[in-house]
């Protein structure tokens, strides 16, 4: 497969972008390294179940604090959607609250979006 066919399209949600704007340059460097790590191996994050089955979560540390990066990987379209970034506190509750917004952001390619249209 050529490099052109292997290229991953990466999209950021507005919420993810806003969170990045609040980070220091040192934190941004670490986050960018982790995003590059995810791009190299998109299935590294833990795939969640139930209401969050569209979400993979990659955990890493910044200044001795655990940070969670929530994303969705759509292998058929070779697309990576960066959705959530934050500490563990309320991370999953916020992700559940934003589920419909996330699925709309990923439309029409995510399988869950297609299931909702059919029902």
PDB file of N, CA and C in Angstrom:
ATOM      1  N   UNK A   1       0.843  -1.177   0.000  1.00  0.00           N
ATOM      2  CA  UNK A   1       0.000   0.000   0.000  1.00  0.00           C
ATOM      3  C   UNK A   1       0.887   1.239   0.000  1.00  0.00           C
ATOM      4  N   UNK A   2       0.540   2.207  -0.798  1.00  0.00           N
ATOM      5  CA  UNK A   2       1.342   3.424  -0.872  1.00  0.00           C
ATOM      6  C   UNK A   2       1.108   4.309   0.350  1.00  0.00           C
ATOM      7  N   UNK A   3       2.001   5.287   0.538  1.00  0.00           N
ATOM      8  CA  UNK A   3       1.872   6.204   1.681  1.00  0.00           C
ATOM      9  C   UNK A   3       0.586   7.009   1.577  1.00  0.00           C
ATOM     10  N   UNK A   4       0.172   7.357   0.351  1.00  0.00           N
ATOM     11  CA  UNK A   4      -1.060   8.127   0.143  1.00  0.00           C
ATOM     12  C   UNK A   4      -2.273   7.350   0.648  1.00  0.00           C
ATOM     13  N   UNK A   5      -2.307   6.033   0.432  1.00  0.00           N
ATOM     14  CA  UNK A   5      -3.426   5.214   0.867  1.00  0.00           C
ATOM     15  C   UNK A   5      -3.407   5.022   2.387  1.00  0.00           C
ATOM     16  N   UNK A   6      -2.230   5.079   3.003  1.00  0.00           N
ATOM     17  CA  UNK A   6      -2.090   4.863   4.435  1.00  0.00           C
ATOM     18  C   UNK A   6      -2.333   6.112   5.264  1.00  0.00           C
ATOM     19  N   UNK A   7      -2.496   7.261   4.657  1.00  0.00           N
ATOM     20  CA  UNK A   7      -2.635   8.523   5.373  1.00  0.00           C
ATOM     21  C   UNK A   7      -3.916   8.537   6.197  1.00  0.00           C
ATOM     22  N   UNK A   8      -3.765   8.884   7.470  1.00  0.00           N
ATOM     23  CA  UNK A   8      -4.912   8.936   8.376  1.00  0.00           C
ATOM     24  C   UNK A   8      -5.408  10.371   8.455  1.00  0.00           C
ATOM     25  N   UNK A   9      -6.696  10.557   8.239  1.00  0.00           N
ATOM     26  CA  UNK A   9      -7.317  11.871   8.405  1.00  0.00           C
ATOM     27  C   UNK A   9      -7.670  12.028   9.884  1.00  0.00           C
ATOM     28  N   UNK A  10      -7.243  13.141  10.481  1.00  0.00           N
ATOM     29  CA  UNK A  10      -7.480  13.391  11.904  1.00  0.00           C
ATOM     30  C   UNK A  10      -8.369  14.622  12.042  1.00  0.00           C
ATOM     31  N   UNK A  11      -9.433  14.481  12.840  1.00  0.00           N
ATOM     32  CA  UNK A  11     -10.373  15.578  13.078  1.00  0.00           C
ATOM     33  C   UNK A  11     -10.474  15.827  14.576  1.00  0.00           C
ATOM     34  N   UNK A  12     -10.590  17.084  14.970  1.00  0.00           N
ATOM     35  CA  UNK A  12     -10.741  17.457  16.382  1.00  0.00           C
ATOM     36  C   UNK A  12     -12.136  18.031  16.601  1.00  0.00           C
ATOM     37  N   UNK A  13     -12.775  17.614  17.691  1.00  0.00           N
ATOM     38  CA  UNK A  13     -14.047  18.234  18.055  1.00  0.00           C
ATOM     39  C   UNK A  13     -13.753  19.631  18.610  1.00  0.00           C
ATOM     40  N   UNK A  14     -14.753  20.496  18.598  1.00  0.00           N
ATOM     41  CA  UNK A  14     -14.590  21.855  19.148  1.00  0.00           C
ATOM     42  C   UNK A  14     -14.193  21.801  20.615  1.00  0.00           C
ATOM     43  N   UNK A  15     -14.762  20.871  21.347  1.00  0.00           N
ATOM     44  CA  UNK A  15     -14.476  20.732  22.774  1.00  0.00           C
ATOM     45  C   UNK A  15     -13.007  20.347  22.976  1.00  0.00           C
ATOM     46  N   UNK A  16     -12.497  19.458  22.132  1.00  0.00           N
ATOM     47  CA  UNK A  16     -11.098  19.042  22.217  1.00  0.00           C
ATOM     48  C   UNK A  16     -10.181  20.232  21.937  1.00  0.00           C
ATOM     49  N   UNK A  17     -10.495  21.013  20.904  1.00  0.00           N
ATOM     50  CA  UNK A  17      -9.699  22.188  20.540  1.00  0.00           C
ATOM     51  C   UNK A  17      -9.680  23.212  21.668  1.00  0.00           C
ATOM     52  N   UNK A  18     -10.830  23.452  22.288  1.00  0.00           N
ATOM     53  CA  UNK A  18     -10.912  24.404  23.396  1.00  0.00           C
ATOM     54  C   UNK A  18     -10.064  23.946  24.577  1.00  0.00           C
ATOM     55  N   UNK A  19     -10.065  22.653  24.841  1.00  0.00           N
ATOM     56  CA  UNK A  19      -9.259  22.122  25.936  1.00  0.00           C
ATOM     57  C   UNK A  19      -7.771  22.309  25.642  1.00  0.00           C
ATOM     58  N   UNK A  20      -7.363  22.099  24.392  1.00  0.00           N
ATOM     59  CA  UNK A  20      -5.955  22.286  24.013  1.00  0.00           C
ATOM     60  C   UNK A  20      -5.509  23.736  24.207  1.00  0.00           C
ATOM     61  N   UNK A  21      -6.403  24.686  23.946  1.00  0.00           N
ATOM     62  CA  UNK A  21      -6.052  26.103  24.082  1.00  0.00           C
ATOM     63  C   UNK A  21      -5.720  26.478  25.524  1.00  0.00           C
ATOM     64  N   UNK A  22      -6.228  25.710  26.489  1.00  0.00           N
ATOM     65  CA  UNK A  22      -5.995  25.990  27.901  1.00  0.00           C
ATOM     66  C   UNK A  22      -4.684  25.391  28.411  1.00  0.00           C
ATOM     67  N   UNK A  23      -4.030  24.587  27.580  1.00  0.00           N
ATOM     68  CA  UNK A  23      -2.811  23.882  27.999  1.00  0.00           C
ATOM     69  C   UNK A  23      -1.566  24.742  27.780  1.00  0.00           C
ATOM     70  N   UNK A  24      -0.573  24.502  28.617  1.00  0.00           N
ATOM     71  CA  UNK A  24       0.719  25.188  28.449  1.00  0.00           C
ATOM     72  C   UNK A  24       1.476  24.566  27.281  1.00  0.00           C
ATOM     73  N   UNK A  25       2.549  25.223  26.855  1.00  0.00           N
ATOM     74  CA  UNK A  25       3.345  24.708  25.741  1.00  0.00           C
ATOM     75  C   UNK A  25       3.964  23.347  26.083  1.00  0.00           C
ATOM     76  N   UNK A  26       4.413  23.178  27.317  1.00  0.00           N
ATOM     77  CA  UNK A  26       4.992  21.897  27.735  1.00  0.00           C
ATOM     78  C   UNK A  26       3.935  20.789  27.692  1.00  0.00           C
ATOM     79  N   UNK A  27       2.726  21.113  28.150  1.00  0.00           N
ATOM     80  CA  UNK A  27       1.646  20.131  28.101  1.00  0.00           C
ATOM     81  C   UNK A  27       1.263  19.810  26.660  1.00  0.00           C
ATOM     82  N   UNK A  28       1.214  20.831  25.809  1.00  0.00           N
ATOM     83  CA  UNK A  28       0.880  20.620  24.399  1.00  0.00           C
ATOM     84  C   UNK A  28       1.870  19.682  23.719  1.00  0.00           C
ATOM     85  N   UNK A  29       3.143  19.818  24.056  1.00  0.00           N
ATOM     86  CA  UNK A  29       4.175  18.957  23.479  1.00  0.00           C
ATOM     87  C   UNK A  29       3.906  17.499  23.836  1.00  0.00           C
ATOM     88  N   UNK A  30       3.577  17.237  25.095  1.00  0.00           N
ATOM     89  CA  UNK A  30       3.286  15.872  25.545  1.00  0.00           C
ATOM     90  C   UNK A  30       2.027  15.348  24.850  1.00  0.00           C
ATOM     91  N   UNK A  31       1.007  16.178  24.772  1.00  0.00           N
ATOM     92  CA  UNK A  31      -0.251  15.767  24.132  1.00  0.00           C
ATOM     93  C   UNK A  31      -0.025  15.465  22.652  1.00  0.00           C
ATOM     94  N   UNK A  32       0.736  16.312  21.969  1.00  0.00           N
ATOM     95  CA  UNK A  32       1.033  16.072  20.552  1.00  0.00           C
ATOM     96  C   UNK A  32       1.797  14.766  20.358  1.00  0.00           C
ATOM     97  N   UNK A  33       2.734  14.468  21.260  1.00  0.00           N
ATOM     98  CA  UNK A  33       3.467  13.203  21.189  1.00  0.00           C
ATOM     99  C   UNK A  33       2.519  12.014  21.357  1.00  0.00           C
ATOM    100  N   UNK A  34       1.567  12.144  22.275  1.00  0.00           N
ATOM    101  CA  UNK A  34       0.601  11.060  22.503  1.00  0.00           C
ATOM    102  C   UNK A  34      -0.333  10.903  21.298  1.00  0.00           C
ATOM    103  N   UNK A  35      -0.732  12.011  20.687  1.00  0.00           N
ATOM    104  CA  UNK A  35      -1.577  11.937  19.488  1.00  0.00           C
ATOM    105  C   UNK A  35      -0.807  11.249  18.359  1.00  0.00           C
ATOM    106  N   UNK A  36       0.468  11.587  18.199  1.00  0.00           N
ATOM    107  CA  UNK A  36       1.296  10.912  17.193  1.00  0.00           C
ATOM    108  C   UNK A  36       1.389   9.418  17.480  1.00  0.00           C
ATOM    109  N   UNK A  37       1.493   9.064  18.751  1.00  0.00           N
ATOM    110  CA  UNK A  37       1.538   7.666  19.167  1.00  0.00           C
ATOM    111  C   UNK A  37       0.241   6.957  18.786  1.00  0.00           C
ATOM    112  N   UNK A  38      -0.894   7.629  18.986  1.00  0.00           N
ATOM    113  CA  UNK A  38      -2.194   7.055  18.620  1.00  0.00           C
ATOM    114  C   UNK A  38      -2.304   6.909  17.105  1.00  0.00           C
ATOM    115  N   UNK A  39      -1.816   7.895  16.366  1.00  0.00           N
ATOM    116  CA  UNK A  39      -1.876   7.833  14.898  1.00  0.00           C
ATOM    117  C   UNK A  39      -1.069   6.636  14.389  1.00  0.00           C
ATOM    118  N   UNK A  40       0.067   6.353  15.015  1.00  0.00           N
ATOM    119  CA  UNK A  40       0.879   5.202  14.614  1.00  0.00           C
ATOM    120  C   UNK A  40       0.175   3.884  14.894  1.00  0.00           C
ATOM    121  N   UNK A  41      -0.616   3.833  15.958  1.00  0.00           N
ATOM    122  CA  UNK A  41      -1.338   2.615  16.326  1.00  0.00           C
ATOM    123  C   UNK A  41      -2.719   2.998  16.862  1.00  0.00           C
ATOM    124  N   UNK A  42      -3.694   3.253  15.986  1.00  0.00           N
ATOM    125  CA  UNK A  42      -5.006   3.762  16.411  1.00  0.00           C
ATOM    126  C   UNK A  42      -5.786   2.846  17.357  1.00  0.00           C
ATOM    127  N   UNK A  43      -5.448   1.583  17.406  1.00  0.00           N
ATOM    128  CA  UNK A  43      -6.201   0.670  18.267  1.00  0.00           C
ATOM    129  C   UNK A  43      -5.563   0.512  19.644  1.00  0.00           C
ATOM    130  N   UNK A  44      -4.633   1.402  19.989  1.00  0.00           N
ATOM    131  CA  UNK A  44      -3.939   1.319  21.282  1.00  0.00           C
ATOM    132  C   UNK A  44      -4.886   1.628  22.447  1.00  0.00           C
ATOM    133  N   UNK A  45      -5.852   2.509  22.241  1.00  0.00           N
ATOM    134  CA  UNK A  45      -6.775   2.881  23.306  1.00  0.00           C
ATOM    135  C   UNK A  45      -7.748   1.761  23.618  1.00  0.00           C
ATOM    136  N   UNK A  46      -8.252   1.769  24.829  1.00  0.00           N
ATOM    137  CA  UNK A  46      -9.204   0.753  25.269  1.00  0.00           C
ATOM    138  C   UNK A  46     -10.579   1.106  24.719  1.00  0.00           C
ATOM    139  N   UNK A  47     -11.181   0.172  23.994  1.00  0.00           N
ATOM    140  CA  UNK A  47     -12.520   0.370  23.443  1.00  0.00           C
ATOM    141  C   UNK A  47     -13.536   0.205  24.561  1.00  0.00           C
ATOM    142  N   UNK A  48     -14.377   1.197  24.748  1.00  0.00           N
ATOM    143  CA  UNK A  48     -15.372   1.178  25.812  1.00  0.00           C
ATOM    144  C   UNK A  48     -16.613   0.409  25.361  1.00  0.00           C
ATOM    145  N   UNK A  49     -17.486   0.107  26.308  1.00  0.00           N
ATOM    146  CA  UNK A  49     -18.688  -0.686  26.030  1.00  0.00           C
ATOM    147  C   UNK A  49     -19.933   0.129  26.347  1.00  0.00           C
ATOM    148  N   UNK A  50     -21.060  -0.373  25.921  1.00  0.00           N
ATOM    149  CA  UNK A  50     -22.341   0.253  26.237  1.00  0.00           C
ATOM    150  C   UNK A  50     -22.525   1.582  25.536  1.00  0.00           C
ATOM    151  N   UNK A  51     -22.955   2.609  26.287  1.00  0.00           N
ATOM    152  CA  UNK A  51     -23.203   3.937  25.709  1.00  0.00           C
ATOM    153  C   UNK A  51     -21.964   4.562  25.109  1.00  0.00           C
ATOM    154  N   UNK A  52     -20.797   4.118  25.525  1.00  0.00           N
ATOM    155  CA  UNK A  52     -19.546   4.694  25.039  1.00  0.00           C
ATOM    156  C   UNK A  52     -18.826   3.766  24.050  1.00  0.00           C
ATOM    157  N   UNK A  53     -19.579   2.909  23.372  1.00  0.00           N
ATOM    158  CA  UNK A  53     -18.959   1.940  22.460  1.00  0.00           C
ATOM    159  C   UNK A  53     -18.323   2.602  21.244  1.00  0.00           C
ATOM    160  N   UNK A  54     -18.580   3.880  21.040  1.00  0.00           N
ATOM    161  CA  UNK A  54     -17.951   4.618  19.940  1.00  0.00           C
ATOM    162  C   UNK A  54     -16.586   5.177  20.343  1.00  0.00           C
ATOM    163  N   UNK A  55     -16.210   5.016  21.611  1.00  0.00           N
ATOM    164  CA  UNK A  55     -15.064   5.716  22.181  1.00  0.00           C
ATOM    165  C   UNK A  55     -13.931   4.760  22.562  1.00  0.00           C
ATOM    166  N   UNK A  56     -12.724   5.170  22.219  1.00  0.00           N
ATOM    167  CA  UNK A  56     -11.511   4.518  22.716  1.00  0.00           C
ATOM    168  C   UNK A  56     -10.836   5.518  23.641  1.00  0.00           C
ATOM    169  N   UNK A  57     -10.207   5.034  24.705  1.00  0.00           N
ATOM    170  CA  UNK A  57      -9.554   5.928  25.666  1.00  0.00           C
ATOM    171  C   UNK A  57      -8.093   5.523  25.823  1.00  0.00           C
ATOM    172  N   UNK A  58      -7.224   6.493  25.618  1.00  0.00           N
ATOM    173  CA  UNK A  58      -5.777   6.322  25.799  1.00  0.00           C
ATOM    174  C   UNK A  58      -5.376   7.128  27.036  1.00  0.00           C
ATOM    175  N   UNK A  59      -4.696   6.477  27.969  1.00  0.00           N
ATOM    176  CA  UNK A  59      -4.287   7.126  29.218  1.00  0.00           C
ATOM    177  C   UNK A  59      -2.796   7.416  29.197  1.00  0.00           C
ATOM    178  N   UNK A  60      -2.430   8.587  29.706  1.00  0.00           N
ATOM    179  CA  UNK A  60      -1.030   8.970  29.839  1.00  0.00           C
ATOM    180  C   UNK A  60      -0.908   9.972  30.974  1.00  0.00           C
ATOM    181  N   UNK A  61       0.327  10.333  31.316  1.00  0.00           N
ATOM    182  CA  UNK A  61       0.547  11.246  32.451  1.00  0.00           C
ATOM    183  C   UNK A  61       1.179  12.549  32.003  1.00  0.00           C
ATOM    184  N   UNK A  62       0.715  13.636  32.621  1.00  0.00           N
ATOM    185  CA  UNK A  62       1.317  14.957  32.484  1.00  0.00           C
ATOM    186  C   UNK A  62       1.538  15.464  33.906  1.00  0.00           C
ATOM    187  N   UNK A  63       2.788  15.755  34.250  1.00  0.00           N
ATOM    188  CA  UNK A  63       3.123  16.248  35.599  1.00  0.00           C
ATOM    189  C   UNK A  63       2.552  15.357  36.695  1.00  0.00           C
ATOM    190  N   UNK A  64       2.744  14.050  36.571  1.00  0.00           N
ATOM    191  CA  UNK A  64       2.312  13.062  37.554  1.00  0.00           C
ATOM    192  C   UNK A  64       0.791  12.964  37.690  1.00  0.00           C
ATOM    193  N   UNK A  65       0.034  13.535  36.761  1.00  0.00           N
ATOM    194  CA  UNK A  65      -1.421  13.428  36.793  1.00  0.00           C
ATOM    195  C   UNK A  65      -1.878  12.657  35.562  1.00  0.00           C
ATOM    196  N   UNK A  66      -2.759  11.691  35.793  1.00  0.00           N
ATOM    197  CA  UNK A  66      -3.259  10.890  34.679  1.00  0.00           C
ATOM    198  C   UNK A  66      -4.222  11.717  33.825  1.00  0.00           C
ATOM    199  N   UNK A  67      -4.034  11.640  32.524  1.00  0.00           N
ATOM    200  CA  UNK A  67      -4.877  12.344  31.558  1.00  0.00           C
ATOM    201  C   UNK A  67      -5.478  11.303  30.629  1.00  0.00           C
ATOM    202  N   UNK A  68      -6.745  11.480  30.293  1.00  0.00           N
ATOM    203  CA  UNK A  68      -7.423  10.572  29.387  1.00  0.00           C
ATOM    204  C   UNK A  68      -7.719  11.289  28.085  1.00  0.00           C
ATOM    205  N   UNK A  69      -7.432  10.625  26.983  1.00  0.00           N
ATOM    206  CA  UNK A  69      -7.718  11.163  25.663  1.00  0.00           C
ATOM    207  C   UNK A  69      -8.719  10.220  25.013  1.00  0.00           C
ATOM    208  N   UNK A  70      -9.919  10.724  24.783  1.00  0.00           N
ATOM    209  CA  UNK A  70     -10.969   9.919  24.166  1.00  0.00           C
ATOM    210  C   UNK A  70     -11.033  10.200  22.679  1.00  0.00           C
ATOM    211  N   UNK A  71     -11.062   9.142  21.897  1.00  0.00           N
ATOM    212  CA  UNK A  71     -11.090   9.291  20.449  1.00  0.00           C
ATOM    213  C   UNK A  71     -11.885   8.160  19.823  1.00  0.00           C
ATOM    214  N   UNK A  72     -12.202   8.321  18.560  1.00  0.00           N
ATOM    215  CA  UNK A  72     -12.890   7.285  17.807  1.00  0.00           C
ATOM    216  C   UNK A  72     -12.082   6.996  16.553  1.00  0.00           C
ATOM    217  N   UNK A  73     -11.890   5.731  16.265  1.00  0.00           N
ATOM    218  CA  UNK A  73     -11.112   5.293  15.107  1.00  0.00           C
ATOM    219  C   UNK A  73     -12.056   4.568  14.150  1.00  0.00           C
ATOM    220  N   UNK A  74     -12.145   5.061  12.921  1.00  0.00           N
ATOM    221  CA  UNK A  74     -12.992   4.432  11.915  1.00  0.00           C
ATOM    222  C   UNK A  74     -12.078   3.871  10.832  1.00  0.00           C
ATOM    223  N   UNK A  75     -11.831   2.582  10.953  1.00  0.00           N
ATOM    224  CA  UNK A  75     -10.837   1.918  10.109  1.00  0.00           C
ATOM    225  C   UNK A  75     -11.224   1.938   8.630  1.00  0.00           C
ATOM    226  N   UNK A  76     -12.513   1.781   8.332  1.00  0.00           N
ATOM    227  CA  UNK A  76     -12.961   1.734   6.942  1.00  0.00           C
ATOM    228  C   UNK A  76     -12.641   3.022   6.192  1.00  0.00           C
ATOM    229  N   UNK A  77     -12.710   4.151   6.863  1.00  0.00           N
ATOM    230  CA  UNK A  77     -12.458   5.455   6.243  1.00  0.00           C
ATOM    231  C   UNK A  77     -11.068   5.995   6.577  1.00  0.00           C
ATOM    232  N   UNK A  78     -10.313   5.261   7.389  1.00  0.00           N
ATOM    233  CA  UNK A  78      -8.991   5.683   7.855  1.00  0.00           C
ATOM    234  C   UNK A  78      -9.089   7.089   8.463  1.00  0.00           C
ATOM    235  N   UNK A  79      -9.996   7.216   9.427  1.00  0.00           N
ATOM    236  CA  UNK A  79     -10.234   8.509  10.085  1.00  0.00           C
ATOM    237  C   UNK A  79     -10.132   8.363  11.598  1.00  0.00           C
ATOM    238  N   UNK A  80      -9.547   9.359  12.213  1.00  0.00           N
ATOM    239  CA  UNK A  80      -9.389   9.415  13.658  1.00  0.00           C
ATOM    240  C   UNK A  80     -10.057  10.693  14.151  1.00  0.00           C
ATOM    241  N   UNK A  81     -10.979  10.558  15.101  1.00  0.00           N
ATOM    242  CA  UNK A  81     -11.694  11.705  15.658  1.00  0.00           C
ATOM    243  C   UNK A  81     -11.254  11.903  17.106  1.00  0.00           C
ATOM    244  N   UNK A  82     -10.611  13.029  17.397  1.00  0.00           N
ATOM    245  CA  UNK A  82     -10.191  13.363  18.756  1.00  0.00           C
ATOM    246  C   UNK A  82     -11.369  14.061  19.433  1.00  0.00           C
ATOM    247  N   UNK A  83     -11.924  13.441  20.463  1.00  0.00           N
ATOM    248  CA  UNK A  83     -13.187  13.911  21.027  1.00  0.00           C
ATOM    249  C   UNK A  83     -13.057  14.531  22.415  1.00  0.00           C
ATOM    250  N   UNK A  84     -12.335  13.890  23.317  1.00  0.00           N
ATOM    251  CA  UNK A  84     -12.287  14.330  24.718  1.00  0.00           C
ATOM    252  C   UNK A  84     -10.857  14.325  25.231  1.00  0.00           C
ATOM    253  N   UNK A  85     -10.556  15.251  26.119  1.00  0.00           N
ATOM    254  CA  UNK A  85      -9.257  15.304  26.781  1.00  0.00           C
ATOM    255  C   UNK A  85      -9.469  15.849  28.174  1.00  0.00           C
ATOM    256  N   UNK A  86      -8.994  15.137  29.184  1.00  0.00           N
ATOM    257  CA  UNK A  86      -9.143  15.642  30.541  1.00  0.00           C
ATOM    258  C   UNK A  86      -8.720  14.631  31.582  1.00  0.00           C
ATOM    259  N   UNK A  87      -8.860  15.030  32.839  1.00  0.00           N
ATOM    260  CA  UNK A  87      -8.526  14.139  33.947  1.00  0.00           C
ATOM    261  C   UNK A  87      -9.638  13.107  34.109  1.00  0.00           C
ATOM    262  N   UNK A  88      -9.369  12.116  34.930  1.00  0.00           N
ATOM    263  CA  UNK A  88     -10.331  11.032  35.120  1.00  0.00           C
ATOM    264  C   UNK A  88     -11.628  11.516  35.754  1.00  0.00           C
ATOM    265  N   UNK A  89     -11.529  12.565  36.560  1.00  0.00           N
ATOM    266  CA  UNK A  89     -12.702  13.073  37.274  1.00  0.00           C
ATOM    267  C   UNK A  89     -13.807  13.465  36.289  1.00  0.00           C
ATOM    268  N   UNK A  90     -14.923  12.798  36.371  1.00  0.00           N
ATOM    269  CA  UNK A  90     -16.112  13.037  35.545  1.00  0.00           C
ATOM    270  C   UNK A  90     -15.881  12.827  34.041  1.00  0.00           C
ATOM    271  N   UNK A  91     -14.758  12.248  33.642  1.00  0.00           N
ATOM    272  CA  UNK A  91     -14.459  12.069  32.218  1.00  0.00           C
ATOM    273  C   UNK A  91     -15.536  11.237  31.532  1.00  0.00           C
ATOM    274  N   UNK A  92     -15.864  10.094  32.124  1.00  0.00           N
ATOM    275  CA  UNK A  92     -16.823   9.192  31.481  1.00  0.00           C
ATOM    276  C   UNK A  92     -18.241   9.744  31.535  1.00  0.00           C
ATOM    277  N   UNK A  93     -18.594  10.426  32.615  1.00  0.00           N
ATOM    278  CA  UNK A  93     -19.927  11.036  32.697  1.00  0.00           C
ATOM    279  C   UNK A  93     -20.076  12.119  31.632  1.00  0.00           C
ATOM    280  N   UNK A  94     -19.055  12.955  31.466  1.00  0.00           N
ATOM    281  CA  UNK A  94     -19.095  13.992  30.428  1.00  0.00           C
ATOM    282  C   UNK A  94     -19.150  13.363  29.040  1.00  0.00           C
ATOM    283  N   UNK A  95     -18.423  12.274  28.847  1.00  0.00           N
ATOM    284  CA  UNK A  95     -18.434  11.582  27.554  1.00  0.00           C
ATOM    285  C   UNK A  95     -19.824  11.029  27.254  1.00  0.00           C
ATOM    286  N   UNK A  96     -20.491  10.474  28.276  1.00  0.00           N
ATOM    287  CA  UNK A  96     -21.853   9.979  28.080  1.00  0.00           C
ATOM    288  C   UNK A  96     -22.802  11.125  27.741  1.00  0.00           C
ATOM    289  N   UNK A  97     -22.640  12.252  28.439  1.00  0.00           N
ATOM    290  CA  UNK A  97     -23.498  13.413  28.190  1.00  0.00           C
ATOM    291  C   UNK A  97     -23.312  13.951  26.775  1.00  0.00           C
ATOM    292  N   UNK A  98     -22.116  13.835  26.231  1.00  0.00           N
ATOM    293  CA  UNK A  98     -21.802  14.383  24.904  1.00  0.00           C
ATOM    294  C   UNK A  98     -21.897  13.336  23.786  1.00  0.00           C
ATOM    295  N   UNK A  99     -22.405  12.146  24.093  1.00  0.00           N
ATOM    296  CA  UNK A  99     -22.448  11.039  23.133  1.00  0.00           C
ATOM    297  C   UNK A  99     -23.120  11.435  21.826  1.00  0.00           C
ATOM    298  N   UNK A 100     -24.314  11.999  21.890  1.00  0.00           N
ATOM    299  CA  UNK A 100     -25.052  12.350  20.670  1.00  0.00           C
ATOM    300  C   UNK A 100     -24.317  13.400  19.847  1.00  0.00           C
ATOM    301  N   UNK A 101     -23.690  14.359  20.517  1.00  0.00           N
ATOM    302  CA  UNK A 101     -22.914  15.382  19.816  1.00  0.00           C
ATOM    303  C   UNK A 101     -21.719  14.737  19.115  1.00  0.00           C
ATOM    304  N   UNK A 102     -21.062  13.803  19.807  1.00  0.00           N
ATOM    305  CA  UNK A 102     -19.915  13.115  19.216  1.00  0.00           C
ATOM    306  C   UNK A 102     -20.329  12.320  17.982  1.00  0.00           C
ATOM    307  N   UNK A 103     -21.434  11.585  18.087  1.00  0.00           N
ATOM    308  CA  UNK A 103     -21.879  10.779  16.957  1.00  0.00           C
ATOM    309  C   UNK A 103     -22.284  11.651  15.773  1.00  0.00           C
ATOM    310  N   UNK A 104     -22.885  12.786  16.055  1.00  0.00           N
ATOM    311  CA  UNK A 104     -23.246  13.706  14.978  1.00  0.00           C
ATOM    312  C   UNK A 104     -21.995  14.266  14.305  1.00  0.00           C
ATOM    313  N   UNK A 105     -20.961  14.545  15.106  1.00  0.00           N
ATOM    314  CA  UNK A 105     -19.689  15.050  14.590  1.00  0.00           C
ATOM    315  C   UNK A 105     -19.044  14.030  13.644  1.00  0.00           C
ATOM    316  N   UNK A 106     -19.209  12.752  13.943  1.00  0.00           N
ATOM    317  CA  UNK A 106     -18.582  11.699  13.150  1.00  0.00           C
ATOM    318  C   UNK A 106     -19.445  11.237  11.978  1.00  0.00           C
ATOM    319  N   UNK A 107     -20.656  11.717  11.873  1.00  0.00           N
ATOM    320  CA  UNK A 107     -21.551  11.272  10.802  1.00  0.00           C
ATOM    321  C   UNK A 107     -20.971  11.533   9.450  1.00  0.00           C
ATOM    322  N   UNK A 108     -21.293  10.822   8.454  1.00  0.00           N
ATOM    323  CA  UNK A 108     -22.150   9.628   8.456  1.00  0.00           C
ATOM    324  C   UNK A 108     -21.355   8.336   8.514  1.00  0.00           C
ATOM    325  N   UNK A 109     -20.080   8.407   8.874  1.00  0.00           N
ATOM    326  CA  UNK A 109     -19.211   7.238   8.707  1.00  0.00           C
ATOM    327  C   UNK A 109     -19.224   6.265   9.857  1.00  0.00           C
ATOM    328  N   UNK A 110     -19.605   6.697  11.042  1.00  0.00           N
ATOM    329  CA  UNK A 110     -19.532   5.788  12.175  1.00  0.00           C
ATOM    330  C   UNK A 110     -20.675   4.783  12.124  1.00  0.00           C
ATOM    331  N   UNK A 111     -20.398   3.490  12.368  1.00  0.00           N
ATOM    332  CA  UNK A 111     -21.438   2.452  12.323  1.00  0.00           C
ATOM    333  C   UNK A 111     -22.619   2.742  13.250  1.00  0.00           C
ATOM    334  N   UNK A 112     -22.369   3.329  14.426  1.00  0.00           N
ATOM    335  CA  UNK A 112     -23.477   3.641  15.338  1.00  0.00           C
ATOM    336  C   UNK A 112     -24.406   4.692  14.746  1.00  0.00           C
ATOM    337  N   UNK A 113     -23.858   5.638  13.982  1.00  0.00           N
ATOM    338  CA  UNK A 113     -24.674   6.651  13.337  1.00  0.00           C
ATOM    339  C   UNK A 113     -25.583   6.004  12.294  1.00  0.00           C
ATOM    340  N   UNK A 114     -25.055   5.036  11.565  1.00  0.00           N
ATOM    341  CA  UNK A 114     -25.830   4.363  10.547  1.00  0.00           C
ATOM    342  C   UNK A 114     -26.930   3.524  11.192  1.00  0.00           C
ATOM    343  N   UNK A 115     -26.681   2.906  12.350  1.00  0.00           N
ATOM    344  CA  UNK A 115     -27.694   2.132  13.056  1.00  0.00           C
ATOM    345  C   UNK A 115     -28.828   3.041  13.508  1.00  0.00           C
ATOM    346  N   UNK A 116     -28.534   4.233  13.979  1.00  0.00           N
ATOM    347  CA  UNK A 116     -29.563   5.157  14.436  1.00  0.00           C
ATOM    348  C   UNK A 116     -30.458   5.594  13.290  1.00  0.00           C
ATOM    349  N   UNK A 117     -29.887   5.773  12.100  1.00  0.00           N
ATOM    350  CA  UNK A 117     -30.679   6.182  10.935  1.00  0.00           C
ATOM    351  C   UNK A 117     -31.648   5.088  10.523  1.00  0.00           C
ATOM    352  N   UNK A 118     -31.201   3.807  10.629  1.00  0.00           N
ATOM    353  CA  UNK A 118     -32.035   2.690  10.211  1.00  0.00           C
ATOM    354  C   UNK A 118     -33.189   2.443  11.155  1.00  0.00           C
ATOM    355  N   UNK A 119     -33.045   2.755  12.450  1.00  0.00           N
ATOM    356  CA  UNK A 119     -34.121   2.472  13.410  1.00  0.00           C
ATOM    357  C   UNK A 119     -35.134   3.565  13.484  1.00  0.00           C
TER     358      UNK A 119
END
